[in-house]
Amino acid sequence: NYTGNGGVLKMDAEGVVISKIEINAGNHTLKVRENYFTSIYVIKSSNLMLNNTTILPNDFIIIESEKQLLINTTTDVELFVIETPFKLSYITYKEMAKF
């Protein structure tokens, strides 16, 4: 992890976890944290399926209600993952600016 759960970087935003996940070729199940948005940027892949949907390099995915991701890949994959709590204890910029 980069932040959270023992990560080396500290953030003022509590509960945010940023990590890079490396997945070997094969079939895998990735558990998704409950009550969190999971944002995924695909760094490296060439034949990746997430929940039976083809995913390409440089795709960005936001997961809101899944409990797990079914991953199928014939090559190694690298994902940049940001987990953010649904409810925050502070006002976000979007709320301050009333977007």
Protein backbone atom coordinates (compact mmCIF):
# COMPACT_ATOMS: atom_id res chain seq x y z
CA ASN A 1 0.00 0.00 0.00
CA TYR A 2 1.03 3.56 -0.65
CA THR A 3 -1.39 4.90 2.01
CA GLY A 4 -3.51 3.30 4.73
CA ASN A 5 -3.01 -0.12 6.32
CA GLY A 6 0.70 0.45 6.94
CA GLY A 7 1.41 2.42 3.75
CA VAL A 8 4.45 4.69 3.67
CA LEU A 9 2.56 7.90 2.76
CA LYS A 10 0.34 9.79 5.19
CA MET A 11 -2.80 11.64 4.10
CA ASP A 12 -5.08 14.10 5.87
CA ALA A 13 -8.09 12.30 4.33
CA GLU A 14 -8.89 9.48 6.71
CA GLY A 15 -9.83 6.04 5.45
CA VAL A 16 -8.36 6.41 1.94
CA VAL A 17 -6.22 3.47 0.84
CA ILE A 18 -4.04 3.73 -2.29
CA SER A 19 -2.24 0.67 -3.59
CA LYS A 20 -0.84 -1.06 -6.65
CA ILE A 21 -2.03 -4.61 -7.19
CA GLU A 22 -0.09 -7.05 -9.36
CA ILE A 23 -2.06 -10.08 -10.54
CA ASN A 24 -0.62 -13.13 -12.26
CA ALA A 25 -2.32 -14.78 -15.22
CA GLY A 26 -5.30 -16.93 -14.22
CA ASN A 27 -8.70 -16.67 -12.56
CA HIS A 28 -8.91 -14.64 -9.35
CA THR A 29 -11.45 -13.11 -7.00
CA LEU A 30 -10.74 -9.67 -5.56
CA LYS A 31 -12.77 -8.71 -2.51
CA VAL A 32 -14.22 -5.18 -2.60
CA ARG A 33 -14.44 -3.25 0.67
CA GLU A 34 -17.99 -2.62 1.86
CA ASN A 35 -19.04 1.06 2.15
CA TYR A 36 -16.15 2.19 -0.05
CA PHE A 37 -15.81 3.43 -3.61
CA THR A 38 -13.10 1.41 -5.33
CA SER A 39 -11.45 3.28 -8.21
CA ILE A 40 -9.19 1.25 -10.49
CA TYR A 41 -6.79 2.47 -13.15
CA VAL A 42 -5.40 -0.29 -15.39
CA ILE A 43 -1.64 0.21 -15.67
CA LYS A 44 -0.78 -2.98 -17.53
CA SER A 45 -2.88 -5.70 -19.16
CA SER A 46 -3.44 -7.25 -22.54
CA ASN A 47 -6.26 -9.73 -22.00
CA LEU A 48 -8.20 -8.74 -18.88
CA MET A 49 -11.82 -9.48 -17.96
CA LEU A 50 -13.49 -8.03 -14.85
CA ASN A 51 -16.87 -9.56 -14.09
CA ASN A 52 -17.05 -10.78 -17.71
CA THR A 53 -16.34 -7.32 -19.16
CA THR A 54 -13.26 -6.71 -21.31
CA ILE A 55 -10.95 -4.14 -19.75
CA LEU A 56 -8.15 -2.40 -21.66
CA PRO A 57 -4.91 -0.71 -20.55
CA ASN A 58 -5.55 2.86 -19.35
CA ASP A 59 -9.20 2.10 -18.54
CA PHE A 60 -10.55 3.67 -15.34
CA ILE A 61 -13.27 1.85 -13.41
CA ILE A 62 -15.32 2.97 -10.39
CA ILE A 63 -16.89 0.22 -8.31
CA GLU A 64 -19.76 1.25 -6.00
CA SER A 65 -21.88 -1.78 -5.18
CA GLU A 66 -19.98 -4.96 -6.02
CA LYS A 67 -18.82 -7.23 -3.19
CA GLN A 68 -16.13 -8.88 -5.29
CA LEU A 69 -14.53 -8.71 -8.71
CA LEU A 70 -14.06 -11.81 -10.81
CA ILE A 71 -10.77 -11.41 -12.65
CA ASN A 72 -9.72 -13.51 -15.62
CA THR A 73 -6.47 -12.78 -17.41
CA THR A 74 -4.03 -14.67 -19.60
CA THR A 75 -1.21 -12.22 -18.85
CA ASP A 76 0.12 -10.44 -15.77
CA VAL A 77 -1.85 -7.34 -14.78
CA GLU A 78 -1.02 -4.19 -12.79
CA LEU A 79 -3.81 -2.11 -11.25
CA PHE A 80 -3.62 1.22 -9.39
CA VAL A 81 -6.41 1.14 -6.80
CA ILE A 82 -7.88 3.90 -4.63
CA GLU A 83 -10.43 2.97 -1.95
CA THR A 84 -12.45 5.88 -0.54
CA PRO A 85 -15.16 5.68 2.15
CA PHE A 86 -18.74 6.45 1.04
CA LYS A 87 -19.22 8.75 4.04
CA LEU A 88 -16.57 11.28 5.01
CA SER A 89 -16.25 13.21 8.26
CA TYR A 90 -15.28 16.39 6.40
CA ILE A 91 -16.73 18.54 3.61
CA THR A 92 -15.33 17.85 0.16
CA TYR A 93 -14.45 20.54 -2.38
CA LYS A 94 -17.46 19.47 -4.44
CA GLU A 95 -19.76 20.11 -1.46
CA MET A 96 -18.11 23.46 -0.65
CA ALA A 97 -18.40 24.64 -4.25
CA LYS A 98 -21.99 23.29 -4.45
CA PHE A 99 -21.52 21.49 -7.76
